[in-house]
């Protein structure tokens, strides 16, 4: 057995079992066959997604912790086990994918919002920096993080936040495997850099995220790669907003309400009269109303989550998908979604 590690995912390379991780036909290769196919052919071997339940291995690692969050899927990070971990350990925070936010959003607004959320939860944050705005991320990283490094830099985060992309940018070249599927990195992966040792850790898989239950073609539609163009609707009477076949949001008794949908531009969004919503979903679920999650059999099995109306703007967050911002006069909201998916209600981010 070789002791050489795959540069892409960190797995130990081996040429004995093609079905096991780290397999490569030739041990002199730098990447395992799985990473090679993802890098060059965008091919991914589907595996059963199982949430990682503990951070025992991470607790044994020494270094400067950097917690990477996807700003478009913030609630997934804020509802993960990292919250408990970073109540006991200091960390820097990188807000990744800020270029996907609408152009009117500023660095100050986003960092202040996240800082308040983390402070309220007693998270030990040293500093917050953004990646994606029109600023030099590497210079900010050097000033605010790299100068305080002790025993290396430990990059952590839930799956699909873009840890490997961030590290590749810091390295100045594409070394680690980048893919839209969860669990691209399979083990702790040490990389030498200008900033010292960087440790790319295994992503914490969230079993309540839409992204954990989609196939490759549907992930392309759900994960945004370009700046999100919010869909804005002015509502009167009871209306329904459908996002593919993934979620249905009923806004009841609208006098004058505004709904703004923040999801990938490739994910279909439509507004319908609430009177016809049940029939529409029963007849078109998995057909016109798609994508849907793996193993979703019918709309009737969806769980309903109710939220009251608020005086201030509120976001209804669908983990792994995006959020819907509500304002104006309405009585309450009913959200239909697969029971595996976590739905959250928060003070509006934008």
C-alpha atoms as a PDB file:
ATOM      1  CA  UNK A   1       0.000   0.000   0.000  1.00  0.00           C
ATOM      2  CA  UNK A   2       1.364   3.396  -0.963  1.00  0.00           C
ATOM      3  CA  UNK A   3       1.620   6.207   1.620  1.00  0.00           C
ATOM      4  CA  UNK A   4       1.216   8.815  -1.104  1.00  0.00           C
ATOM      5  CA  UNK A   5      -1.888  10.988  -0.744  1.00  0.00           C
ATOM      6  CA  UNK A   6      -4.216  12.136  -3.503  1.00  0.00           C
ATOM      7  CA  UNK A   7      -3.673  15.875  -3.986  1.00  0.00           C
ATOM      8  CA  UNK A   8      -7.367  16.351  -4.670  1.00  0.00           C
ATOM      9  CA  UNK A   9      -9.186  14.642  -1.794  1.00  0.00           C
ATOM     10  CA  UNK A  10      -6.424  13.558   0.595  1.00  0.00           C
ATOM     11  CA  UNK A  11      -7.143   9.824   0.360  1.00  0.00           C
ATOM     12  CA  UNK A  12      -4.209   7.397   0.453  1.00  0.00           C
ATOM     13  CA  UNK A  13      -3.556   6.172  -3.100  1.00  0.00           C
ATOM     14  CA  UNK A  14      -3.939   2.437  -3.768  1.00  0.00           C
ATOM     15  CA  UNK A  15      -4.155   0.244  -6.899  1.00  0.00           C
ATOM     16  CA  UNK A  16      -5.702  -2.882  -5.406  1.00  0.00           C
ATOM     17  CA  UNK A  17      -9.441  -2.213  -5.041  1.00  0.00           C
ATOM     18  CA  UNK A  18     -11.177  -0.146  -7.779  1.00  0.00           C
ATOM     19  CA  UNK A  19     -14.286   0.228  -5.593  1.00  0.00           C
ATOM     20  CA  UNK A  20     -12.423   1.678  -2.608  1.00  0.00           C
ATOM     21  CA  UNK A  21     -11.420   5.306  -2.072  1.00  0.00           C
ATOM     22  CA  UNK A  22      -7.987   6.349  -3.275  1.00  0.00           C
ATOM     23  CA  UNK A  23      -7.924   3.908  -6.213  1.00  0.00           C
ATOM     24  CA  UNK A  24      -5.642   4.754  -9.123  1.00  0.00           C
ATOM     25  CA  UNK A  25      -4.386   2.432 -11.887  1.00  0.00           C
ATOM     26  CA  UNK A  26      -0.888   3.882 -11.473  1.00  0.00           C
ATOM     27  CA  UNK A  27       0.544   4.801  -8.088  1.00  0.00           C
ATOM     28  CA  UNK A  28       2.782   7.445  -9.606  1.00  0.00           C
ATOM     29  CA  UNK A  29      -0.321   9.529 -10.385  1.00  0.00           C
ATOM     30  CA  UNK A  30      -1.000  12.625  -8.245  1.00  0.00           C
ATOM     31  CA  UNK A  31      -4.783  12.111  -8.162  1.00  0.00           C
ATOM     32  CA  UNK A  32      -7.020   9.128  -7.482  1.00  0.00           C
ATOM     33  CA  UNK A  33      -9.314   7.965 -10.277  1.00  0.00           C
ATOM     34  CA  UNK A  34     -12.351   9.552  -8.589  1.00  0.00           C
ATOM     35  CA  UNK A  35     -10.740  13.005  -8.448  1.00  0.00           C
ATOM     36  CA  UNK A  36      -9.285  12.660 -11.957  1.00  0.00           C
ATOM     37  CA  UNK A  37     -12.744  11.978 -13.381  1.00  0.00           C
ATOM     38  CA  UNK A  38     -14.299  14.874 -11.462  1.00  0.00           C
ATOM     39  CA  UNK A  39     -11.571  17.305 -12.543  1.00  0.00           C
ATOM     40  CA  UNK A  40     -11.440  16.359 -16.216  1.00  0.00           C
ATOM     41  CA  UNK A  41     -14.874  14.903 -16.999  1.00  0.00           C
ATOM     42  CA  UNK A  42     -17.180  16.274 -14.257  1.00  0.00           C
ATOM     43  CA  UNK A  43     -18.096  12.686 -13.396  1.00  0.00           C
ATOM     44  CA  UNK A  44     -19.001  11.836  -9.821  1.00  0.00           C
ATOM     45  CA  UNK A  45     -19.701   8.459  -8.268  1.00  0.00           C
ATOM     46  CA  UNK A  46     -22.912   8.692  -6.255  1.00  0.00           C
ATOM     47  CA  UNK A  47     -22.584   7.504  -2.677  1.00  0.00           C
ATOM     48  CA  UNK A  48     -25.090   7.408   0.145  1.00  0.00           C
ATOM     49  CA  UNK A  49     -24.952  10.752   1.965  1.00  0.00           C
ATOM     50  CA  UNK A  50     -24.673  10.254   5.716  1.00  0.00           C
ATOM     51  CA  UNK A  51     -24.349  13.197   8.097  1.00  0.00           C
ATOM     52  CA  UNK A  52     -21.094  13.377  10.049  1.00  0.00           C
ATOM     53  CA  UNK A  53     -22.228  13.470  13.666  1.00  0.00           C
ATOM     54  CA  UNK A  54     -19.126  14.530  15.606  1.00  0.00           C
ATOM     55  CA  UNK A  55     -15.985  16.629  15.399  1.00  0.00           C
ATOM     56  CA  UNK A  56     -13.774  14.391  17.535  1.00  0.00           C
ATOM     57  CA  UNK A  57     -10.911  14.356  15.020  1.00  0.00           C
ATOM     58  CA  UNK A  58     -11.041  18.125  14.598  1.00  0.00           C
ATOM     59  CA  UNK A  59     -10.725  18.598  18.361  1.00  0.00           C
ATOM     60  CA  UNK A  60      -7.287  16.952  18.191  1.00  0.00           C
ATOM     61  CA  UNK A  61      -5.959  19.307  15.487  1.00  0.00           C
ATOM     62  CA  UNK A  62      -3.788  22.262  16.501  1.00  0.00           C
ATOM     63  CA  UNK A  63      -3.644  25.406  14.410  1.00  0.00           C
ATOM     64  CA  UNK A  64      -5.415  28.606  13.438  1.00  0.00           C
ATOM     65  CA  UNK A  65      -9.011  27.709  12.668  1.00  0.00           C
ATOM     66  CA  UNK A  66     -10.680  29.344   9.651  1.00  0.00           C
ATOM     67  CA  UNK A  67     -14.441  28.717   9.412  1.00  0.00           C
ATOM     68  CA  UNK A  68     -15.647  29.060   5.817  1.00  0.00           C
ATOM     69  CA  UNK A  69     -19.324  29.840   5.207  1.00  0.00           C
ATOM     70  CA  UNK A  70     -21.349  30.043   2.007  1.00  0.00           C
ATOM     71  CA  UNK A  71     -23.152  33.396   2.242  1.00  0.00           C
ATOM     72  CA  UNK A  72     -25.912  32.066  -0.042  1.00  0.00           C
ATOM     73  CA  UNK A  73     -26.525  29.172   2.368  1.00  0.00           C
ATOM     74  CA  UNK A  74     -25.633  30.794   5.674  1.00  0.00           C
ATOM     75  CA  UNK A  75     -28.203  28.934   7.784  1.00  0.00           C
ATOM     76  CA  UNK A  76     -26.660  25.553   7.020  1.00  0.00           C
ATOM     77  CA  UNK A  77     -23.421  26.692   8.679  1.00  0.00           C
ATOM     78  CA  UNK A  78     -25.233  28.373  11.565  1.00  0.00           C
ATOM     79  CA  UNK A  79     -27.238  25.224  12.313  1.00  0.00           C
ATOM     80  CA  UNK A  80     -24.242  22.882  12.227  1.00  0.00           C
ATOM     81  CA  UNK A  81     -22.156  21.346  15.013  1.00  0.00           C
ATOM     82  CA  UNK A  82     -19.496  23.958  14.307  1.00  0.00           C
ATOM     83  CA  UNK A  83     -21.561  26.338  16.440  1.00  0.00           C
ATOM     84  CA  UNK A  84     -20.777  24.359  19.604  1.00  0.00           C
ATOM     85  CA  UNK A  85     -17.167  23.828  18.511  1.00  0.00           C
ATOM     86  CA  UNK A  86     -16.482  27.537  18.042  1.00  0.00           C
ATOM     87  CA  UNK A  87     -18.033  28.474  21.351  1.00  0.00           C
ATOM     88  CA  UNK A  88     -14.935  26.778  22.762  1.00  0.00           C
ATOM     89  CA  UNK A  89     -12.336  27.564  20.071  1.00  0.00           C
ATOM     90  CA  UNK A  90     -11.405  30.910  18.515  1.00  0.00           C
ATOM     91  CA  UNK A  91     -11.783  31.210  14.746  1.00  0.00           C
ATOM     92  CA  UNK A  92     -11.511  33.514  11.782  1.00  0.00           C
ATOM     93  CA  UNK A  93     -14.514  33.499   9.422  1.00  0.00           C
ATOM     94  CA  UNK A  94     -14.450  33.665   5.620  1.00  0.00           C
ATOM     95  CA  UNK A  95     -17.766  34.521   3.983  1.00  0.00           C
ATOM     96  CA  UNK A  96     -17.436  32.804   0.616  1.00  0.00           C
ATOM     97  CA  UNK A  97     -19.340  33.338  -2.657  1.00  0.00           C
ATOM     98  CA  UNK A  98     -20.192  36.991  -1.944  1.00  0.00           C
ATOM     99  CA  UNK A  99     -20.035  37.622  -5.699  1.00  0.00           C
ATOM    100  CA  UNK A 100     -23.350  35.748  -5.974  1.00  0.00           C
ATOM    101  CA  UNK A 101     -25.195  38.377  -3.928  1.00  0.00           C
ATOM    102  CA  UNK A 102     -27.057  41.186  -5.729  1.00  0.00           C
ATOM    103  CA  UNK A 103     -24.711  44.004  -6.718  1.00  0.00           C
ATOM    104  CA  UNK A 104     -26.408  46.462  -4.334  1.00  0.00           C
ATOM    105  CA  UNK A 105     -25.222  44.507  -1.280  1.00  0.00           C
ATOM    106  CA  UNK A 106     -22.134  45.929   0.469  1.00  0.00           C
ATOM    107  CA  UNK A 107     -19.318  44.274   2.415  1.00  0.00           C
ATOM    108  CA  UNK A 108     -20.188  46.295   5.512  1.00  0.00           C
ATOM    109  CA  UNK A 109     -23.843  45.218   5.472  1.00  0.00           C
ATOM    110  CA  UNK A 110     -23.026  41.527   5.141  1.00  0.00           C
ATOM    111  CA  UNK A 111     -20.191  41.416   7.694  1.00  0.00           C
ATOM    112  CA  UNK A 112     -22.244  43.388  10.244  1.00  0.00           C
ATOM    113  CA  UNK A 113     -25.206  41.033   9.805  1.00  0.00           C
ATOM    114  CA  UNK A 114     -23.111  37.880  10.245  1.00  0.00           C
ATOM    115  CA  UNK A 115     -21.124  39.391  13.125  1.00  0.00           C
ATOM    116  CA  UNK A 116     -24.353  40.104  15.023  1.00  0.00           C
ATOM    117  CA  UNK A 117     -25.632  36.570  14.451  1.00  0.00           C
ATOM    118  CA  UNK A 118     -22.367  35.037  15.696  1.00  0.00           C
ATOM    119  CA  UNK A 119     -22.102  37.380  18.685  1.00  0.00           C
ATOM    120  CA  UNK A 120     -25.636  36.490  19.773  1.00  0.00           C
ATOM    121  CA  UNK A 121     -24.603  32.834  19.732  1.00  0.00           C
ATOM    122  CA  UNK A 122     -21.403  33.540  21.721  1.00  0.00           C
ATOM    123  CA  UNK A 123     -19.120  32.344  18.911  1.00  0.00           C
ATOM    124  CA  UNK A 124     -15.449  33.240  19.462  1.00  0.00           C
ATOM    125  CA  UNK A 125     -14.785  35.152  16.238  1.00  0.00           C
ATOM    126  CA  UNK A 126     -11.481  36.971  15.768  1.00  0.00           C
ATOM    127  CA  UNK A 127     -12.302  38.546  12.418  1.00  0.00           C
ATOM    128  CA  UNK A 128     -14.569  38.213   9.363  1.00  0.00           C
ATOM    129  CA  UNK A 129     -13.421  38.646   5.777  1.00  0.00           C
ATOM    130  CA  UNK A 130     -15.346  38.318   2.522  1.00  0.00           C
ATOM    131  CA  UNK A 131     -14.409  36.540  -0.684  1.00  0.00           C
ATOM    132  CA  UNK A 132     -16.133  37.492  -3.931  1.00  0.00           C
ATOM    133  CA  UNK A 133     -16.559  41.227  -3.629  1.00  0.00           C
ATOM    134  CA  UNK A 134     -14.339  43.449  -5.773  1.00  0.00           C
ATOM    135  CA  UNK A 135     -11.469  43.462  -3.324  1.00  0.00           C
ATOM    136  CA  UNK A 136      -8.201  41.554  -3.035  1.00  0.00           C
ATOM    137  CA  UNK A 137      -9.094  38.525  -0.972  1.00  0.00           C
ATOM    138  CA  UNK A 138      -5.513  37.271  -0.744  1.00  0.00           C
ATOM    139  CA  UNK A 139      -4.227  40.588   0.624  1.00  0.00           C
ATOM    140  CA  UNK A 140      -7.004  40.647   3.237  1.00  0.00           C
ATOM    141  CA  UNK A 141      -6.216  37.035   4.123  1.00  0.00           C
ATOM    142  CA  UNK A 142      -2.551  37.881   4.659  1.00  0.00           C
ATOM    143  CA  UNK A 143      -3.339  40.935   6.795  1.00  0.00           C
ATOM    144  CA  UNK A 144      -6.078  39.492   8.973  1.00  0.00           C
ATOM    145  CA  UNK A 145      -5.369  35.772   9.155  1.00  0.00           C
ATOM    146  CA  UNK A 146      -1.963  34.641   7.895  1.00  0.00           C
ATOM    147  CA  UNK A 147       0.000  36.957  10.206  1.00  0.00           C
ATOM    148  CA  UNK A 148      -1.479  35.238  13.277  1.00  0.00           C
ATOM    149  CA  UNK A 149      -0.926  31.655  12.137  1.00  0.00           C
ATOM    150  CA  UNK A 150       0.272  29.175  14.727  1.00  0.00           C
ATOM    151  CA  UNK A 151       0.837  25.496  13.865  1.00  0.00           C
ATOM    152  CA  UNK A 152      -0.772  25.901  10.437  1.00  0.00           C
ATOM    153  CA  UNK A 153      -4.143  26.981   9.067  1.00  0.00           C
ATOM    154  CA  UNK A 154      -7.104  24.618   9.550  1.00  0.00           C
ATOM    155  CA  UNK A 155      -9.906  25.189   7.011  1.00  0.00           C
ATOM    156  CA  UNK A 156     -13.295  23.934   8.173  1.00  0.00           C
ATOM    157  CA  UNK A 157     -16.909  24.185   7.053  1.00  0.00           C
ATOM    158  CA  UNK A 158     -19.936  22.224   5.962  1.00  0.00           C
ATOM    159  CA  UNK A 159     -19.883  20.505   2.579  1.00  0.00           C
ATOM    160  CA  UNK A 160     -20.131  22.664  -0.546  1.00  0.00           C
ATOM    161  CA  UNK A 161     -19.144  25.953   1.093  1.00  0.00           C
ATOM    162  CA  UNK A 162     -16.107  26.104  -1.192  1.00  0.00           C
ATOM    163  CA  UNK A 163     -13.178  25.208   1.102  1.00  0.00           C
ATOM    164  CA  UNK A 164     -11.150  23.702  -1.723  1.00  0.00           C
ATOM    165  CA  UNK A 165     -11.860  26.684  -4.001  1.00  0.00           C
ATOM    166  CA  UNK A 166     -10.652  29.091  -1.313  1.00  0.00           C
ATOM    167  CA  UNK A 167      -7.480  27.064  -0.766  1.00  0.00           C
ATOM    168  CA  UNK A 168      -6.786  26.848  -4.510  1.00  0.00           C
ATOM    169  CA  UNK A 169      -7.017  30.650  -4.732  1.00  0.00           C
ATOM    170  CA  UNK A 170      -4.557  31.033  -1.857  1.00  0.00           C
ATOM    171  CA  UNK A 171      -2.200  28.557  -3.555  1.00  0.00           C
ATOM    172  CA  UNK A 172      -2.506  30.435  -6.843  1.00  0.00           C
ATOM    173  CA  UNK A 173      -3.263  27.215  -8.744  1.00  0.00           C
ATOM    174  CA  UNK A 174      -5.853  24.440  -8.946  1.00  0.00           C
ATOM    175  CA  UNK A 175      -4.519  21.684  -6.716  1.00  0.00           C
ATOM    176  CA  UNK A 176      -7.517  20.454  -4.727  1.00  0.00           C
ATOM    177  CA  UNK A 177     -10.511  18.827  -6.359  1.00  0.00           C
ATOM    178  CA  UNK A 178     -13.472  21.198  -6.738  1.00  0.00           C
ATOM    179  CA  UNK A 179     -16.912  19.737  -7.406  1.00  0.00           C
ATOM    180  CA  UNK A 180     -20.550  20.601  -6.707  1.00  0.00           C
ATOM    181  CA  UNK A 181     -21.176  17.290  -4.912  1.00  0.00           C
ATOM    182  CA  UNK A 182     -20.947  17.068  -1.119  1.00  0.00           C
ATOM    183  CA  UNK A 183     -17.938  15.243   0.400  1.00  0.00           C
ATOM    184  CA  UNK A 184     -15.393  15.908  -2.342  1.00  0.00           C
ATOM    185  CA  UNK A 185     -12.621  15.968   0.278  1.00  0.00           C
ATOM    186  CA  UNK A 186     -12.528  12.533   1.936  1.00  0.00           C
ATOM    187  CA  UNK A 187      -9.935  12.993   4.666  1.00  0.00           C
ATOM    188  CA  UNK A 188      -7.783  15.681   6.272  1.00  0.00           C
ATOM    189  CA  UNK A 189      -5.430  16.918   3.559  1.00  0.00           C
ATOM    190  CA  UNK A 190      -2.229  18.836   4.342  1.00  0.00           C
ATOM    191  CA  UNK A 191      -0.894  21.264   1.744  1.00  0.00           C
ATOM    192  CA  UNK A 192       2.267  23.380   1.871  1.00  0.00           C
ATOM    193  CA  UNK A 193       1.743  27.034   0.943  1.00  0.00           C
ATOM    194  CA  UNK A 194       3.276  30.500   1.203  1.00  0.00           C
ATOM    195  CA  UNK A 195       1.295  30.853   4.441  1.00  0.00           C
ATOM    196  CA  UNK A 196       2.691  27.680   5.944  1.00  0.00           C
ATOM    197  CA  UNK A 197       0.806  24.401   6.283  1.00  0.00           C
ATOM    198  CA  UNK A 198      -2.858  24.473   5.252  1.00  0.00           C
ATOM    199  CA  UNK A 199      -5.109  21.633   6.391  1.00  0.00           C
ATOM    200  CA  UNK A 200      -8.200  21.030   4.250  1.00  0.00           C
ATOM    201  CA  UNK A 201     -10.663  19.142   6.436  1.00  0.00           C
ATOM    202  CA  UNK A 202     -13.569  16.883   5.550  1.00  0.00           C
ATOM    203  CA  UNK A 203     -16.777  18.849   5.026  1.00  0.00           C
ATOM    204  CA  UNK A 204     -19.494  18.341   7.599  1.00  0.00           C
ATOM    205  CA  UNK A 205     -22.364  16.856   5.583  1.00  0.00           C
ATOM    206  CA  UNK A 206     -25.719  18.380   6.484  1.00  0.00           C
ATOM    207  CA  UNK A 207     -28.502  15.807   6.261  1.00  0.00           C
ATOM    208  CA  UNK A 208     -31.090  18.627   6.245  1.00  0.00           C
ATOM    209  CA  UNK A 209     -29.821  20.335   3.085  1.00  0.00           C
ATOM    210  CA  UNK A 210     -31.483  20.143  -0.327  1.00  0.00           C
ATOM    211  CA  UNK A 211     -28.051  19.575  -1.874  1.00  0.00           C
ATOM    212  CA  UNK A 212     -27.592  16.261  -0.040  1.00  0.00           C
ATOM    213  CA  UNK A 213     -30.471  14.675  -2.008  1.00  0.00           C
ATOM    214  CA  UNK A 214     -30.043  15.851  -5.609  1.00  0.00           C
ATOM    215  CA  UNK A 215     -28.427  14.178  -8.598  1.00  0.00           C
ATOM    216  CA  UNK A 216     -25.693  15.852 -10.640  1.00  0.00           C
ATOM    217  CA  UNK A 217     -27.909  17.511 -13.255  1.00  0.00           C
ATOM    218  CA  UNK A 218     -30.222  18.975 -10.611  1.00  0.00           C
ATOM    219  CA  UNK A 219     -27.324  20.227  -8.486  1.00  0.00           C
ATOM    220  CA  UNK A 220     -26.289  22.313 -11.503  1.00  0.00           C
ATOM    221  CA  UNK A 221     -29.663  24.051 -11.355  1.00  0.00           C
ATOM    222  CA  UNK A 222     -29.799  24.556  -7.591  1.00  0.00           C
ATOM    223  CA  UNK A 223     -26.250  25.687  -6.741  1.00  0.00           C
ATOM    224  CA  UNK A 224     -25.793  29.253  -8.058  1.00  0.00           C
ATOM    225  CA  UNK A 225     -22.669  30.032 -10.085  1.00  0.00           C
ATOM    226  CA  UNK A 226     -23.609  33.519 -11.237  1.00  0.00           C
ATOM    227  CA  UNK A 227     -24.893  36.599  -9.438  1.00  0.00           C
ATOM    228  CA  UNK A 228     -28.422  35.892  -8.242  1.00  0.00           C
ATOM    229  CA  UNK A 229     -31.144  37.989  -9.867  1.00  0.00           C
ATOM    230  CA  UNK A 230     -33.910  38.250  -7.254  1.00  0.00           C
ATOM    231  CA  UNK A 231     -37.433  37.460  -8.483  1.00  0.00           C
ATOM    232  CA  UNK A 232     -39.798  40.107  -7.058  1.00  0.00           C
ATOM    233  CA  UNK A 233     -43.561  39.629  -6.714  1.00  0.00           C
ATOM    234  CA  UNK A 234     -46.216  42.046  -5.458  1.00  0.00           C
ATOM    235  CA  UNK A 235     -49.027  39.992  -3.905  1.00  0.00           C
ATOM    236  CA  UNK A 236     -52.678  40.593  -3.139  1.00  0.00           C
ATOM    237  CA  UNK A 237     -55.008  37.909  -1.759  1.00  0.00           C
ATOM    238  CA  UNK A 238     -53.624  34.448  -1.016  1.00  0.00           C
ATOM    239  CA  UNK A 239     -50.788  33.411  -3.339  1.00  0.00           C
ATOM    240  CA  UNK A 240     -48.330  30.547  -3.724  1.00  0.00           C
ATOM    241  CA  UNK A 241     -44.648  30.674  -4.685  1.00  0.00           C
ATOM    242  CA  UNK A 242     -43.243  27.407  -6.053  1.00  0.00           C
ATOM    243  CA  UNK A 243     -39.504  26.793  -6.400  1.00  0.00           C
ATOM    244  CA  UNK A 244     -39.193  23.842  -8.742  1.00  0.00           C
ATOM    245  CA  UNK A 245     -40.730  20.825  -7.041  1.00  0.00           C
ATOM    246  CA  UNK A 246     -38.609  21.421  -3.948  1.00  0.00           C
ATOM    247  CA  UNK A 247     -40.678  23.828  -1.911  1.00  0.00           C
ATOM    248  CA  UNK A 248     -44.049  25.546  -1.975  1.00  0.00           C
ATOM    249  CA  UNK A 249     -44.657  28.709   0.045  1.00  0.00           C
ATOM    250  CA  UNK A 250     -48.239  29.831   0.653  1.00  0.00           C
ATOM    251  CA  UNK A 251     -48.634  33.457   1.741  1.00  0.00           C
ATOM    252  CA  UNK A 252     -52.111  33.808   3.225  1.00  0.00           C
ATOM    253  CA  UNK A 253     -54.487  36.793   3.148  1.00  0.00           C
ATOM    254  CA  UNK A 254     -52.200  39.282   1.445  1.00  0.00           C
ATOM    255  CA  UNK A 255     -53.425  42.853   1.478  1.00  0.00           C
ATOM    256  CA  UNK A 256     -50.255  44.242   0.018  1.00  0.00           C
ATOM    257  CA  UNK A 257     -47.214  42.022   0.389  1.00  0.00           C
ATOM    258  CA  UNK A 258     -43.855  41.817  -1.351  1.00  0.00           C
ATOM    259  CA  UNK A 259     -41.995  38.559  -1.912  1.00  0.00           C
ATOM    260  CA  UNK A 260     -38.373  38.457  -3.126  1.00  0.00           C
ATOM    261  CA  UNK A 261     -36.910  35.056  -4.070  1.00  0.00           C
ATOM    262  CA  UNK A 262     -33.139  34.509  -3.802  1.00  0.00           C
ATOM    263  CA  UNK A 263     -32.221  31.239  -5.531  1.00  0.00           C
ATOM    264  CA  UNK A 264     -30.128  30.146  -8.498  1.00  0.00           C
ATOM    265  CA  UNK A 265     -31.246  31.695 -11.780  1.00  0.00           C
ATOM    266  CA  UNK A 266     -31.436  28.165 -13.236  1.00  0.00           C
ATOM    267  CA  UNK A 267     -33.963  27.029 -10.639  1.00  0.00           C
ATOM    268  CA  UNK A 268     -37.546  27.641 -11.873  1.00  0.00           C
ATOM    269  CA  UNK A 269     -39.765  29.910  -9.768  1.00  0.00           C
ATOM    270  CA  UNK A 270     -43.466  30.549 -10.375  1.00  0.00           C
ATOM    271  CA  UNK A 271     -46.355  32.328  -8.695  1.00  0.00           C
ATOM    272  CA  UNK A 272     -49.871  30.865  -8.658  1.00  0.00           C
ATOM    273  CA  UNK A 273     -53.258  31.485  -7.118  1.00  0.00           C
ATOM    274  CA  UNK A 274     -53.525  29.509  -3.903  1.00  0.00           C
ATOM    275  CA  UNK A 275     -56.952  28.107  -4.855  1.00  0.00           C
ATOM    276  CA  UNK A 276     -55.373  26.033  -7.641  1.00  0.00           C
ATOM    277  CA  UNK A 277     -52.115  25.194  -5.868  1.00  0.00           C
ATOM    278  CA  UNK A 278     -53.032  21.729  -4.558  1.00  0.00           C
ATOM    279  CA  UNK A 279     -54.270  20.545  -7.932  1.00  0.00           C
ATOM    280  CA  UNK A 280     -51.238  22.007  -9.699  1.00  0.00           C
ATOM    281  CA  UNK A 281     -48.801  20.229  -7.382  1.00  0.00           C
ATOM    282  CA  UNK A 282     -50.679  16.926  -7.488  1.00  0.00           C
ATOM    283  CA  UNK A 283     -50.757  16.886 -11.297  1.00  0.00           C
ATOM    284  CA  UNK A 284     -47.292  18.309 -12.075  1.00  0.00           C
ATOM    285  CA  UNK A 285     -45.061  17.185  -9.203  1.00  0.00           C
ATOM    286  CA  UNK A 286     -41.885  15.696 -10.682  1.00  0.00           C
ATOM    287  CA  UNK A 287     -42.931  16.754 -14.185  1.00  0.00           C
ATOM    288  CA  UNK A 288     -43.279  20.489 -14.744  1.00  0.00           C
ATOM    289  CA  UNK A 289     -42.553  21.042 -11.050  1.00  0.00           C
ATOM    290  CA  UNK A 290     -38.957  19.918 -10.818  1.00  0.00           C
ATOM    291  CA  UNK A 291     -36.275  19.292  -9.707  1.00  0.00           C
ATOM    292  CA  UNK A 292     -37.385  17.111  -6.834  1.00  0.00           C
ATOM    293  CA  UNK A 293     -35.334  15.309  -4.215  1.00  0.00           C
ATOM    294  CA  UNK A 294     -34.225  11.708  -4.597  1.00  0.00           C
ATOM    295  CA  UNK A 295     -36.835   9.291  -3.258  1.00  0.00           C
ATOM    296  CA  UNK A 296     -39.561  11.960  -3.109  1.00  0.00           C
ATOM    297  CA  UNK A 297     -42.695  10.066  -4.144  1.00  0.00           C
ATOM    298  CA  UNK A 298     -45.476  12.617  -3.942  1.00  0.00           C
ATOM    299  CA  UNK A 299     -46.330  16.133  -2.858  1.00  0.00           C
ATOM    300  CA  UNK A 300     -48.807  14.744  -0.298  1.00  0.00           C
ATOM    301  CA  UNK A 301     -45.870  13.514   1.808  1.00  0.00           C
ATOM    302  CA  UNK A 302     -44.443  17.012   2.232  1.00  0.00           C
ATOM    303  CA  UNK A 303     -44.298  18.455   5.741  1.00  0.00           C
ATOM    304  CA  UNK A 304     -45.979  21.809   6.427  1.00  0.00           C
ATOM    305  CA  UNK A 305     -44.163  24.445   8.510  1.00  0.00           C
ATOM    306  CA  UNK A 306     -46.149  27.537   9.534  1.00  0.00           C
ATOM    307  CA  UNK A 307     -44.789  30.987  10.400  1.00  0.00           C
ATOM    308  CA  UNK A 308     -46.718  34.044  11.656  1.00  0.00           C
ATOM    309  CA  UNK A 309     -46.526  37.483  10.058  1.00  0.00           C
ATOM    310  CA  UNK A 310     -43.989  40.030  11.311  1.00  0.00           C
ATOM    311  CA  UNK A 311     -43.807  43.800  11.218  1.00  0.00           C
ATOM    312  CA  UNK A 312     -40.234  43.755   9.861  1.00  0.00           C
ATOM    313  CA  UNK A 313     -38.897  41.961   6.792  1.00  0.00           C
ATOM    314  CA  UNK A 314     -38.302  38.235   7.293  1.00  0.00           C
ATOM    315  CA  UNK A 315     -36.454  35.551   5.369  1.00  0.00           C
ATOM    316  CA  UNK A 316     -37.819  32.033   4.953  1.00  0.00           C
ATOM    317  CA  UNK A 317     -34.658  29.936   4.468  1.00  0.00           C
ATOM    318  CA  UNK A 318     -34.593  26.562   2.728  1.00  0.00           C
ATOM    319  CA  UNK A 319     -31.251  24.959   3.553  1.00  0.00           C
ATOM    320  CA  UNK A 320     -29.156  24.214   0.495  1.00  0.00           C
ATOM    321  CA  UNK A 321     -31.479  26.151  -1.819  1.00  0.00           C
ATOM    322  CA  UNK A 322     -31.743  29.839  -0.842  1.00  0.00           C
ATOM    323  CA  UNK A 323     -34.327  32.056   0.799  1.00  0.00           C
ATOM    324  CA  UNK A 324     -37.523  34.043   0.271  1.00  0.00           C
ATOM    325  CA  UNK A 325     -37.850  37.527   1.809  1.00  0.00           C
ATOM    326  CA  UNK A 326     -41.334  38.620   2.936  1.00  0.00           C
ATOM    327  CA  UNK A 327     -42.626  42.085   3.825  1.00  0.00           C
ATOM    328  CA  UNK A 328     -45.973  43.874   3.956  1.00  0.00           C
ATOM    329  CA  UNK A 329     -49.383  42.743   5.184  1.00  0.00           C
ATOM    330  CA  UNK A 330     -50.259  39.029   5.313  1.00  0.00           C
ATOM    331  CA  UNK A 331     -51.722  36.783   8.019  1.00  0.00           C
ATOM    332  CA  UNK A 332     -49.267  33.862   8.027  1.00  0.00           C
ATOM    333  CA  UNK A 333     -47.084  31.631   5.854  1.00  0.00           C
ATOM    334  CA  UNK A 334     -47.212  27.882   5.188  1.00  0.00           C
ATOM    335  CA  UNK A 335     -44.104  26.178   3.784  1.00  0.00           C
ATOM    336  CA  UNK A 336     -44.403  22.740   2.148  1.00  0.00           C
ATOM    337  CA  UNK A 337     -41.151  20.775   1.847  1.00  0.00           C
ATOM    338  CA  UNK A 338     -39.729  17.283   2.173  1.00  0.00           C
ATOM    339  CA  UNK A 339     -39.402  16.378   5.858  1.00  0.00           C
ATOM    340  CA  UNK A 340     -35.651  15.877   5.397  1.00  0.00           C
ATOM    341  CA  UNK A 341     -35.145  19.575   4.669  1.00  0.00           C
ATOM    342  CA  UNK A 342     -34.745  22.172   7.420  1.00  0.00           C
ATOM    343  CA  UNK A 343     -36.802  25.365   7.040  1.00  0.00           C
ATOM    344  CA  UNK A 344     -35.782  28.443   9.039  1.00  0.00           C
ATOM    345  CA  UNK A 345     -37.183  31.899   9.688  1.00  0.00           C
ATOM    346  CA  UNK A 346     -34.748  34.775  10.314  1.00  0.00           C
ATOM    347  CA  UNK A 347     -34.506  38.553  10.304  1.00  0.00           C
ATOM    348  CA  UNK A 348     -33.930  39.655   6.710  1.00  0.00           C
ATOM    349  CA  UNK A 349     -30.269  39.584   5.656  1.00  0.00           C
ATOM    350  CA  UNK A 350     -30.691  42.017   2.720  1.00  0.00           C
END
